Amino acid sequence: MAGPPRLRLPGASCAGAARRCRAIVVADGPSGKRRGRSARSGRTVRPHGPAARADRTRRPPAPTAGAPPHAPFRARPPAPRVRRVELMLTLVSGLAWTVVYVEAIRVGLRDRTYAMPVAALALNLAWETTYAVDEFRTGVSAQGVVNVVWALADLVIVYTYLRFGRAELPGFVTRPLFAAWNVLLFATAFAVQWLFLAQFGTHDATRYSAFLQNLLMSGLFIAFFVARRGPRGQSLLIAVAKWLGTLAPTVLFGVLEGSGFVLGLGVLCSVFDLVYIGLLLRSRPAPSR
């Protein structure tokens, strides 16, 4: 006669049950949860329950603002070689534009005229004054000092324009009319710079306005040559220095920083600058034999 059936309690263990239920515990990520892998089947045994489901649905933290995709830390700083190239291009541009201003003063006083188109001159003065003040709001900086030096040089060129410029205009332009025109012109130049600053912010406004007025200057130098029927009040040194002073920041901001807008404007400036250089070279007297 068979005896009563055996009851298997939930907590009971035997050798067969141990073989079937034994698991190799492995770590399940940084959350501290653990999962098992069956010794017999090799399948992963995932933990169950609300805590396990919450762990599986947890998302990684969103990257901080301004961080590149898939970069939990701040972006890698530029290599020392790139920094040296940026510094070299900045120095070339600063030196070249300083040569432009000094030579324009010298030629203007020598030829008793002004050596820079007045619309571009007004925009230059407004740009350098506006961003010199902006730089000094946060302390003394090298760029702020350079802007002040350039603005002072522009003021000397403005003097040559006010001293000799009316003689370049038709006779009906009286002194009061000449003065009123200049007030309107320079006020407009400052207004344009402030509108750029308000619309684009300091970082983009400095670049966009500088390259747009640079392109205007390149075209006006050609108009200068045509209106004066030759190189009077101009020099090849101004033309070459202006070209190099624009080419360097074109490479810096357009190529290294990847701004297509700046690169396009810089290429157009180079086209006009090279045309102007060609006109000046063509107008030079042939050497005597």
C-alpha atoms as a PDB file:
ATOM      1  CA  MET A   1       0.000   0.000   0.000  1.00  0.00           C
ATOM      2  CA  ALA A   2       1.400   3.327  -1.061  1.00  0.00           C
ATOM      3  CA  GLY A   3       2.141   5.891   1.545  1.00  0.00           C
ATOM      4  CA  PRO A   4       0.894   9.497   1.578  1.00  0.00           C
ATOM      5  CA  PRO A   5       2.302  11.756  -1.204  1.00  0.00           C
ATOM      6  CA  ARG A   6       5.291  13.867  -0.372  1.00  0.00           C
ATOM      7  CA  LEU A   7       4.811  17.633  -0.204  1.00  0.00           C
ATOM      8  CA  ARG A   8       7.530  19.848  -1.693  1.00  0.00           C
ATOM      9  CA  LEU A   9       7.790  22.981   0.336  1.00  0.00           C
ATOM     10  CA  PRO A  10       8.744  26.224  -1.394  1.00  0.00           C
ATOM     11  CA  GLY A  11      11.887  26.559   0.658  1.00  0.00           C
ATOM     12  CA  ALA A  12      12.917  22.915   0.403  1.00  0.00           C
ATOM     13  CA  SER A  13      16.081  22.072  -1.471  1.00  0.00           C
ATOM     14  CA  CYS A  14      17.504  18.924  -2.930  1.00  0.00           C
ATOM     15  CA  ALA A  15      20.450  18.071  -5.110  1.00  0.00           C
ATOM     16  CA  GLY A  16      18.364  17.983  -8.306  1.00  0.00           C
ATOM     17  CA  ALA A  17      16.639  21.260  -7.559  1.00  0.00           C
ATOM     18  CA  ALA A  18      19.966  22.843  -6.756  1.00  0.00           C
ATOM     19  CA  ARG A  19      21.368  21.732 -10.107  1.00  0.00           C
ATOM     20  CA  ARG A  20      18.333  23.079 -11.935  1.00  0.00           C
ATOM     21  CA  CYS A  21      18.122  26.379 -10.100  1.00  0.00           C
ATOM     22  CA  ARG A  22      21.776  27.218  -9.600  1.00  0.00           C
ATOM     23  CA  ALA A  23      22.642  30.513 -11.361  1.00  0.00           C
ATOM     24  CA  ILE A  24      25.791  32.387 -12.058  1.00  0.00           C
ATOM     25  CA  VAL A  25      25.261  35.925 -10.832  1.00  0.00           C
ATOM     26  CA  VAL A  26      26.643  38.678 -12.955  1.00  0.00           C
ATOM     27  CA  ALA A  27      26.632  42.447 -12.525  1.00  0.00           C
ATOM     28  CA  ASP A  28      23.950  44.367 -14.376  1.00  0.00           C
ATOM     29  CA  GLY A  29      25.543  47.778 -14.926  1.00  0.00           C
ATOM     30  CA  PRO A  30      26.180  50.670 -12.566  1.00  0.00           C
ATOM     31  CA  SER A  31      22.691  50.516 -11.015  1.00  0.00           C
ATOM     32  CA  GLY A  32      23.649  47.744  -8.597  1.00  0.00           C
ATOM     33  CA  LYS A  33      20.911  45.361  -9.846  1.00  0.00           C
ATOM     34  CA  ARG A  34      21.949  41.780 -10.541  1.00  0.00           C
ATOM     35  CA  ARG A  35      20.820  39.240 -12.986  1.00  0.00           C
ATOM     36  CA  GLY A  36      21.400  35.494 -13.258  1.00  0.00           C
ATOM     37  CA  ARG A  37      22.443  33.185 -16.053  1.00  0.00           C
ATOM     38  CA  SER A  38      21.154  29.684 -15.944  1.00  0.00           C
ATOM     39  CA  ALA A  39      23.929  27.092 -15.636  1.00  0.00           C
ATOM     40  CA  ARG A  40      22.035  24.565 -17.708  1.00  0.00           C
ATOM     41  CA  SER A  41      20.442  26.638 -20.486  1.00  0.00           C
ATOM     42  CA  GLY A  42      22.862  29.591 -20.541  1.00  0.00           C
ATOM     43  CA  ARG A  43      19.912  32.006 -20.827  1.00  0.00           C
ATOM     44  CA  THR A  44      19.909  35.241 -18.916  1.00  0.00           C
ATOM     45  CA  VAL A  45      17.492  35.372 -16.012  1.00  0.00           C
ATOM     46  CA  ARG A  46      16.456  39.011 -15.510  1.00  0.00           C
ATOM     47  CA  PRO A  47      15.194  40.295 -12.180  1.00  0.00           C
ATOM     48  CA  HIS A  48      11.483  41.005 -11.900  1.00  0.00           C
ATOM     49  CA  GLY A  49       9.372  43.532 -10.068  1.00  0.00           C
ATOM     50  CA  PRO A  50       8.758  47.292 -10.172  1.00  0.00           C
ATOM     51  CA  ALA A  51      12.359  48.165  -9.272  1.00  0.00           C
ATOM     52  CA  ALA A  52      13.728  46.047 -12.107  1.00  0.00           C
ATOM     53  CA  ARG A  53      11.322  47.574 -14.642  1.00  0.00           C
ATOM     54  CA  ALA A  54      12.235  51.087 -13.479  1.00  0.00           C
ATOM     55  CA  ASP A  55      15.922  50.229 -13.866  1.00  0.00           C
ATOM     56  CA  ARG A  56      15.441  48.976 -17.435  1.00  0.00           C
ATOM     57  CA  THR A  57      13.520  52.092 -18.458  1.00  0.00           C
ATOM     58  CA  ARG A  58      15.957  54.540 -16.910  1.00  0.00           C
ATOM     59  CA  ARG A  59      17.416  56.954 -19.481  1.00  0.00           C
ATOM     60  CA  PRO A  60      20.943  58.409 -19.423  1.00  0.00           C
ATOM     61  CA  PRO A  61      21.143  62.059 -18.363  1.00  0.00           C
ATOM     62  CA  ALA A  62      20.732  64.638 -21.118  1.00  0.00           C
ATOM     63  CA  PRO A  63      23.961  66.321 -22.235  1.00  0.00           C
ATOM     64  CA  THR A  64      24.624  69.791 -20.960  1.00  0.00           C
ATOM     65  CA  ALA A  65      23.818  72.792 -23.150  1.00  0.00           C
ATOM     66  CA  GLY A  66      26.483  73.449 -25.714  1.00  0.00           C
ATOM     67  CA  ALA A  67      28.117  70.032 -25.370  1.00  0.00           C
ATOM     68  CA  PRO A  68      28.647  68.093 -28.593  1.00  0.00           C
ATOM     69  CA  PRO A  69      26.650  64.873 -29.122  1.00  0.00           C
ATOM     70  CA  HIS A  70      27.896  61.804 -27.238  1.00  0.00           C
ATOM     71  CA  ALA A  71      30.321  63.922 -25.207  1.00  0.00           C
ATOM     72  CA  PRO A  72      29.523  63.771 -21.467  1.00  0.00           C
ATOM     73  CA  PHE A  73      32.366  66.164 -20.704  1.00  0.00           C
ATOM     74  CA  ARG A  74      33.383  69.472 -22.218  1.00  0.00           C
ATOM     75  CA  ALA A  75      34.798  69.528 -25.735  1.00  0.00           C
ATOM     76  CA  ARG A  76      38.471  68.866 -26.252  1.00  0.00           C
ATOM     77  CA  PRO A  77      40.474  72.122 -26.417  1.00  0.00           C
ATOM     78  CA  PRO A  78      42.159  72.914 -29.729  1.00  0.00           C
ATOM     79  CA  ALA A  79      45.578  71.414 -30.304  1.00  0.00           C
ATOM     80  CA  PRO A  80      48.619  73.621 -29.679  1.00  0.00           C
ATOM     81  CA  ARG A  81      49.359  73.636 -33.404  1.00  0.00           C
ATOM     82  CA  VAL A  82      45.891  75.029 -34.184  1.00  0.00           C
ATOM     83  CA  ARG A  83      46.341  77.692 -31.523  1.00  0.00           C
ATOM     84  CA  ARG A  84      49.633  78.757 -33.065  1.00  0.00           C
ATOM     85  CA  VAL A  85      48.009  79.029 -36.499  1.00  0.00           C
ATOM     86  CA  GLU A  86      45.158  81.121 -35.066  1.00  0.00           C
ATOM     87  CA  LEU A  87      47.622  83.428 -33.296  1.00  0.00           C
ATOM     88  CA  MET A  88      49.711  83.810 -36.460  1.00  0.00           C
ATOM     89  CA  LEU A  89      46.658  84.711 -38.576  1.00  0.00           C
ATOM     90  CA  THR A  90      45.480  87.217 -35.954  1.00  0.00           C
ATOM     91  CA  LEU A  91      48.891  88.892 -35.859  1.00  0.00           C
ATOM     92  CA  VAL A  92      49.085  89.046 -39.666  1.00  0.00           C
ATOM     93  CA  SER A  93      45.665  90.684 -39.856  1.00  0.00           C
ATOM     94  CA  GLY A  94      46.425  93.198 -37.109  1.00  0.00           C
ATOM     95  CA  LEU A  95      49.774  94.172 -38.582  1.00  0.00           C
ATOM     96  CA  ALA A  96      48.410  94.462 -42.119  1.00  0.00           C
ATOM     97  CA  TRP A  97      45.515  96.733 -41.127  1.00  0.00           C
ATOM     98  CA  THR A  98      47.865  98.897 -39.078  1.00  0.00           C
ATOM     99  CA  VAL A  99      49.965  99.349 -42.222  1.00  0.00           C
ATOM    100  CA  VAL A 100      46.801 100.321 -44.141  1.00  0.00           C
ATOM    101  CA  TYR A 101      45.939 103.072 -41.646  1.00  0.00           C
ATOM    102  CA  VAL A 102      49.472 104.472 -41.333  1.00  0.00           C
ATOM    103  CA  GLU A 103      49.989 104.507 -45.095  1.00  0.00           C
ATOM    104  CA  ALA A 104      46.571 106.101 -45.679  1.00  0.00           C
ATOM    105  CA  ILE A 105      47.518 108.933 -43.312  1.00  0.00           C
ATOM    106  CA  ARG A 106      50.879 109.413 -45.008  1.00  0.00           C
ATOM    107  CA  VAL A 107      49.491 109.390 -48.553  1.00  0.00           C
ATOM    108  CA  GLY A 108      46.569 111.662 -47.637  1.00  0.00           C
ATOM    109  CA  LEU A 109      48.834 114.306 -46.151  1.00  0.00           C
ATOM    110  CA  ARG A 110      51.312 113.980 -49.012  1.00  0.00           C
ATOM    111  CA  ASP A 111      48.715 114.341 -51.778  1.00  0.00           C
ATOM    112  CA  ARG A 112      46.484 116.730 -49.787  1.00  0.00           C
ATOM    113  CA  THR A 113      43.483 114.447 -50.089  1.00  0.00           C
ATOM    114  CA  TYR A 114      41.947 111.504 -48.235  1.00  0.00           C
ATOM    115  CA  ALA A 115      43.173 107.993 -48.990  1.00  0.00           C
ATOM    116  CA  MET A 116      40.203 105.884 -47.895  1.00  0.00           C
ATOM    117  CA  PRO A 117      36.626 105.891 -49.235  1.00  0.00           C
ATOM    118  CA  VAL A 118      34.541 107.907 -46.799  1.00  0.00           C
ATOM    119  CA  ALA A 119      31.644 105.428 -46.461  1.00  0.00           C
ATOM    120  CA  ALA A 120      34.073 102.633 -45.544  1.00  0.00           C
ATOM    121  CA  LEU A 121      35.977 105.041 -43.296  1.00  0.00           C
ATOM    122  CA  ALA A 122      32.809 105.900 -41.369  1.00  0.00           C
ATOM    123  CA  LEU A 123      31.918 102.220 -40.918  1.00  0.00           C
ATOM    124  CA  ASN A 124      35.461 101.423 -39.779  1.00  0.00           C
ATOM    125  CA  LEU A 125      35.438 104.175 -37.182  1.00  0.00           C
ATOM    126  CA  ALA A 126      32.027 103.068 -35.901  1.00  0.00           C
ATOM    127  CA  TRP A 127      33.098  99.407 -35.760  1.00  0.00           C
ATOM    128  CA  GLU A 128      36.325 100.043 -33.888  1.00  0.00           C
ATOM    129  CA  THR A 129      34.749 102.488 -31.428  1.00  0.00           C
ATOM    130  CA  THR A 130      31.737 100.264 -30.731  1.00  0.00           C
ATOM    131  CA  TYR A 131      33.703  97.095 -30.083  1.00  0.00           C
ATOM    132  CA  ALA A 132      36.492  98.850 -28.172  1.00  0.00           C
ATOM    133  CA  VAL A 133      33.844 100.006 -25.676  1.00  0.00           C
ATOM    134  CA  ASP A 134      32.343  96.509 -25.650  1.00  0.00           C
ATOM    135  CA  GLU A 135      35.745  94.940 -24.922  1.00  0.00           C
ATOM    136  CA  PHE A 136      36.504  97.326 -22.054  1.00  0.00           C
ATOM    137  CA  ARG A 137      33.218  96.551 -20.315  1.00  0.00           C
ATOM    138  CA  THR A 138      34.755  93.313 -19.004  1.00  0.00           C
ATOM    139  CA  GLY A 139      38.269  94.653 -18.458  1.00  0.00           C
ATOM    140  CA  VAL A 140      41.351  95.589 -20.442  1.00  0.00           C
ATOM    141  CA  SER A 141      42.069  93.229 -23.329  1.00  0.00           C
ATOM    142  CA  ALA A 142      44.575  93.132 -26.188  1.00  0.00           C
ATOM    143  CA  GLN A 143      41.820  93.363 -28.797  1.00  0.00           C
ATOM    144  CA  GLY A 144      40.295  96.343 -27.022  1.00  0.00           C
ATOM    145  CA  VAL A 145      43.633  98.170 -27.040  1.00  0.00           C
ATOM    146  CA  VAL A 146      44.120  97.398 -30.748  1.00  0.00           C
ATOM    147  CA  ASN A 147      40.628  98.690 -31.517  1.00  0.00           C
ATOM    148  CA  VAL A 148      41.402 101.945 -29.710  1.00  0.00           C
ATOM    149  CA  VAL A 149      44.655 102.381 -31.661  1.00  0.00           C
ATOM    150  CA  TRP A 150      42.840 101.730 -34.942  1.00  0.00           C
ATOM    151  CA  ALA A 151      40.061 104.158 -33.998  1.00  0.00           C
ATOM    152  CA  LEU A 152      42.622 106.889 -33.284  1.00  0.00           C
ATOM    153  CA  ALA A 153      44.225 106.250 -36.673  1.00  0.00           C
ATOM    154  CA  ASP A 154      40.790 106.474 -38.279  1.00  0.00           C
ATOM    155  CA  LEU A 155      40.265 109.846 -36.642  1.00  0.00           C
ATOM    156  CA  VAL A 156      43.420 111.148 -38.337  1.00  0.00           C
ATOM    157  CA  ILE A 157      42.129 109.875 -41.695  1.00  0.00           C
ATOM    158  CA  VAL A 158      38.791 111.552 -40.940  1.00  0.00           C
ATOM    159  CA  TYR A 159      40.726 114.786 -40.425  1.00  0.00           C
ATOM    160  CA  THR A 160      42.287 114.472 -43.887  1.00  0.00           C
ATOM    161  CA  TYR A 161      38.817 113.873 -45.323  1.00  0.00           C
ATOM    162  CA  LEU A 162      37.312 116.910 -43.598  1.00  0.00           C
ATOM    163  CA  ARG A 163      40.352 119.039 -44.494  1.00  0.00           C
ATOM    164  CA  PHE A 164      40.619 118.134 -48.179  1.00  0.00           C
ATOM    165  CA  GLY A 165      37.458 116.219 -49.051  1.00  0.00           C
ATOM    166  CA  ARG A 166      35.196 119.062 -50.152  1.00  0.00           C
ATOM    167  CA  ALA A 167      37.580 119.878 -52.982  1.00  0.00           C
ATOM    168  CA  GLU A 168      36.798 116.449 -54.465  1.00  0.00           C
ATOM    169  CA  LEU A 169      33.055 117.258 -54.672  1.00  0.00           C
ATOM    170  CA  PRO A 170      31.084 119.391 -57.144  1.00  0.00           C
ATOM    171  CA  GLY A 171      30.957 123.145 -56.575  1.00  0.00           C
ATOM    172  CA  PHE A 172      27.336 123.224 -55.394  1.00  0.00           C
ATOM    173  CA  VAL A 173      28.323 121.341 -52.221  1.00  0.00           C
ATOM    174  CA  THR A 174      28.664 124.232 -49.776  1.00  0.00           C
ATOM    175  CA  ARG A 175      30.280 124.011 -46.372  1.00  0.00           C
ATOM    176  CA  PRO A 176      26.936 123.670 -44.508  1.00  0.00           C
ATOM    177  CA  LEU A 177      25.792 120.993 -46.948  1.00  0.00           C
ATOM    178  CA  PHE A 178      29.117 119.175 -46.603  1.00  0.00           C
ATOM    179  CA  ALA A 179      28.851 119.297 -42.801  1.00  0.00           C
ATOM    180  CA  ALA A 180      25.233 118.058 -42.797  1.00  0.00           C
ATOM    181  CA  TRP A 181      26.125 115.198 -45.148  1.00  0.00           C
ATOM    182  CA  ASN A 182      28.977 114.100 -42.892  1.00  0.00           C
ATOM    183  CA  VAL A 183      26.817 114.126 -39.767  1.00  0.00           C
ATOM    184  CA  LEU A 184      24.249 111.951 -41.519  1.00  0.00           C
ATOM    185  CA  LEU A 185      26.888 109.597 -42.900  1.00  0.00           C
ATOM    186  CA  PHE A 186      28.731 108.962 -39.622  1.00  0.00           C
ATOM    187  CA  ALA A 187      25.517 108.711 -37.602  1.00  0.00           C
ATOM    188  CA  THR A 188      24.254 106.102 -40.048  1.00  0.00           C
ATOM    189  CA  ALA A 189      27.509 104.155 -39.736  1.00  0.00           C
ATOM    190  CA  PHE A 190      27.142 103.957 -35.948  1.00  0.00           C
ATOM    191  CA  ALA A 191      23.474 103.016 -36.245  1.00  0.00           C
ATOM    192  CA  VAL A 192      24.356 100.150 -38.602  1.00  0.00           C
ATOM    193  CA  GLN A 193      26.920  98.757 -36.149  1.00  0.00           C
ATOM    194  CA  TRP A 194      24.461  98.935 -33.259  1.00  0.00           C
ATOM    195  CA  LEU A 195      21.780  97.198 -35.306  1.00  0.00           C
ATOM    196  CA  PHE A 196      24.192  94.369 -36.098  1.00  0.00           C
ATOM    197  CA  LEU A 197      25.072  94.111 -32.415  1.00  0.00           C
ATOM    198  CA  ALA A 198      21.426  94.021 -31.341  1.00  0.00           C
ATOM    199  CA  GLN A 199      20.445  91.450 -33.961  1.00  0.00           C
ATOM    200  CA  PHE A 200      23.369  89.014 -33.895  1.00  0.00           C
ATOM    201  CA  GLY A 201      25.169  89.526 -30.573  1.00  0.00           C
ATOM    202  CA  THR A 202      28.818  90.418 -30.148  1.00  0.00           C
ATOM    203  CA  HIS A 203      30.369  87.195 -31.479  1.00  0.00           C
ATOM    204  CA  ASP A 204      28.578  87.126 -34.836  1.00  0.00           C
ATOM    205  CA  ALA A 205      28.105  90.896 -35.245  1.00  0.00           C
ATOM    206  CA  THR A 206      31.851  91.563 -35.144  1.00  0.00           C
ATOM    207  CA  ARG A 207      32.429  89.108 -37.972  1.00  0.00           C
ATOM    208  CA  TYR A 208      29.409  89.784 -40.174  1.00  0.00           C
ATOM    209  CA  SER A 209      29.634  93.574 -40.079  1.00  0.00           C
ATOM    210  CA  ALA A 210      33.422  93.579 -40.515  1.00  0.00           C
ATOM    211  CA  PHE A 211      33.365  91.412 -43.623  1.00  0.00           C
ATOM    212  CA  LEU A 212      30.383  93.178 -45.192  1.00  0.00           C
ATOM    213  CA  GLN A 213      31.949  96.615 -44.805  1.00  0.00           C
ATOM    214  CA  ASN A 214      35.241  95.143 -45.975  1.00  0.00           C
ATOM    215  CA  LEU A 215      33.584  94.039 -49.202  1.00  0.00           C
ATOM    216  CA  LEU A 216      32.106  97.522 -49.557  1.00  0.00           C
ATOM    217  CA  MET A 217      35.565  99.032 -49.076  1.00  0.00           C
ATOM    218  CA  SER A 218      37.049  96.746 -51.737  1.00  0.00           C
ATOM    219  CA  GLY A 219      34.502  97.918 -54.286  1.00  0.00           C
ATOM    220  CA  LEU A 220      34.856 101.571 -53.296  1.00  0.00           C
ATOM    221  CA  PHE A 221      38.635 101.502 -53.750  1.00  0.00           C
ATOM    222  CA  ILE A 222      38.054 100.526 -57.387  1.00  0.00           C
ATOM    223  CA  ALA A 223      35.528 103.368 -57.692  1.00  0.00           C
ATOM    224  CA  PHE A 224      38.193 105.621 -56.125  1.00  0.00           C
ATOM    225  CA  PHE A 225      40.637 104.736 -58.866  1.00  0.00           C
ATOM    226  CA  VAL A 226      38.055 105.317 -61.614  1.00  0.00           C
ATOM    227  CA  ALA A 227      36.746 108.636 -60.220  1.00  0.00           C
ATOM    228  CA  ARG A 228      40.262 110.052 -59.819  1.00  0.00           C
ATOM    229  CA  ARG A 229      41.376 108.674 -63.187  1.00  0.00           C
ATOM    230  CA  GLY A 230      44.436 107.112 -61.668  1.00  0.00           C
ATOM    231  CA  PRO A 231      46.256 106.336 -58.427  1.00  0.00           C
ATOM    232  CA  ARG A 232      46.222 109.824 -56.882  1.00  0.00           C
ATOM    233  CA  GLY A 233      45.756 109.544 -53.133  1.00  0.00           C
ATOM    234  CA  GLN A 234      46.303 105.784 -53.305  1.00  0.00           C
ATOM    235  CA  SER A 235      49.210 103.382 -53.039  1.00  0.00           C
ATOM    236  CA  LEU A 236      50.041  99.781 -53.825  1.00  0.00           C
ATOM    237  CA  LEU A 237      51.057  99.239 -50.202  1.00  0.00           C
ATOM    238  CA  ILE A 238      47.529 100.107 -49.021  1.00  0.00           C
ATOM    239  CA  ALA A 239      46.023  97.701 -51.561  1.00  0.00           C
ATOM    240  CA  VAL A 240      48.292  94.748 -50.727  1.00  0.00           C
ATOM    241  CA  ALA A 241      48.076  95.281 -46.960  1.00  0.00           C
ATOM    242  CA  LYS A 242      44.284  95.501 -47.128  1.00  0.00           C
ATOM    243  CA  TRP A 243      44.143  92.251 -49.123  1.00  0.00           C
ATOM    244  CA  LEU A 244      46.383  90.383 -46.651  1.00  0.00           C
ATOM    245  CA  GLY A 245      44.592  91.914 -43.663  1.00  0.00           C
ATOM    246  CA  THR A 246      41.319  90.494 -44.991  1.00  0.00           C
ATOM    247  CA  LEU A 247      42.683  87.166 -46.229  1.00  0.00           C
ATOM    248  CA  ALA A 248      44.065  86.164 -42.815  1.00  0.00           C
ATOM    249  CA  PRO A 249      40.727  86.434 -40.919  1.00  0.00           C
ATOM    250  CA  THR A 250      38.995  84.789 -43.885  1.00  0.00           C
ATOM    251  CA  VAL A 251      41.116  81.700 -43.279  1.00  0.00           C
ATOM    252  CA  LEU A 252      40.705  82.001 -39.509  1.00  0.00           C
ATOM    253  CA  PHE A 253      36.931  82.415 -39.327  1.00  0.00           C
ATOM    254  CA  GLY A 254      35.856  80.981 -42.656  1.00  0.00           C
ATOM    255  CA  VAL A 255      38.072  77.887 -42.818  1.00  0.00           C
ATOM    256  CA  LEU A 256      39.220  77.056 -39.283  1.00  0.00           C
ATOM    257  CA  GLU A 257      35.926  78.016 -37.622  1.00  0.00           C
ATOM    258  CA  GLY A 258      33.858  76.741 -40.548  1.00  0.00           C
ATOM    259  CA  SER A 259      31.723  79.820 -41.264  1.00  0.00           C
ATOM    260  CA  GLY A 260      30.533  79.558 -44.864  1.00  0.00           C
ATOM    261  CA  PHE A 261      29.099  83.093 -44.771  1.00  0.00           C
ATOM    262  CA  VAL A 262      32.424  84.610 -43.734  1.00  0.00           C
ATOM    263  CA  LEU A 263      34.313  82.433 -46.212  1.00  0.00           C
ATOM    264  CA  GLY A 264      32.095  83.560 -49.091  1.00  0.00           C
ATOM    265  CA  LEU A 265      32.450  87.238 -48.214  1.00  0.00           C
ATOM    266  CA  GLY A 266      36.199  86.850 -47.760  1.00  0.00           C
ATOM    267  CA  VAL A 267      36.590  85.250 -51.186  1.00  0.00           C
ATOM    268  CA  LEU A 268      34.617  88.104 -52.776  1.00  0.00           C
ATOM    269  CA  CYS A 269      36.823  90.627 -50.976  1.00  0.00           C
ATOM    270  CA  SER A 270      39.918  88.927 -52.381  1.00  0.00           C
ATOM    271  CA  VAL A 271      38.506  89.071 -55.899  1.00  0.00           C
ATOM    272  CA  PHE A 272      37.899  92.833 -55.689  1.00  0.00           C
ATOM    273  CA  ASP A 273      41.206  93.452 -53.884  1.00  0.00           C
ATOM    274  CA  LEU A 274      43.174  91.626 -56.574  1.00  0.00           C
ATOM    275  CA  VAL A 275      41.376  93.604 -59.292  1.00  0.00           C
ATOM    276  CA  TYR A 276      42.341  96.827 -57.512  1.00  0.00           C
ATOM    277  CA  ILE A 277      45.944  95.686 -57.141  1.00  0.00           C
ATOM    278  CA  GLY A 278      45.976  94.935 -60.871  1.00  0.00           C
ATOM    279  CA  LEU A 279      44.704  98.435 -61.681  1.00  0.00           C
ATOM    280  CA  LEU A 280      47.426 100.031 -59.567  1.00  0.00           C
ATOM    281  CA  LEU A 281      50.119  97.874 -61.124  1.00  0.00           C
ATOM    282  CA  ARG A 282      48.895  98.712 -64.607  1.00  0.00           C
ATOM    283  CA  SER A 283      48.941 102.435 -63.865  1.00  0.00           C
ATOM    284  CA  ARG A 284      52.552 102.474 -62.714  1.00  0.00           C
ATOM    285  CA  PRO A 285      54.862 104.242 -65.153  1.00  0.00           C
ATOM    286  CA  ALA A 286      57.093 102.032 -67.192  1.00  0.00           C
ATOM    287  CA  PRO A 287      60.717 102.063 -66.051  1.00  0.00           C
ATOM    288  CA  SER A 288      62.931 104.303 -68.152  1.00  0.00           C
ATOM    289  CA  ARG A 289      65.596 102.636 -70.223  1.00  0.00           C
END
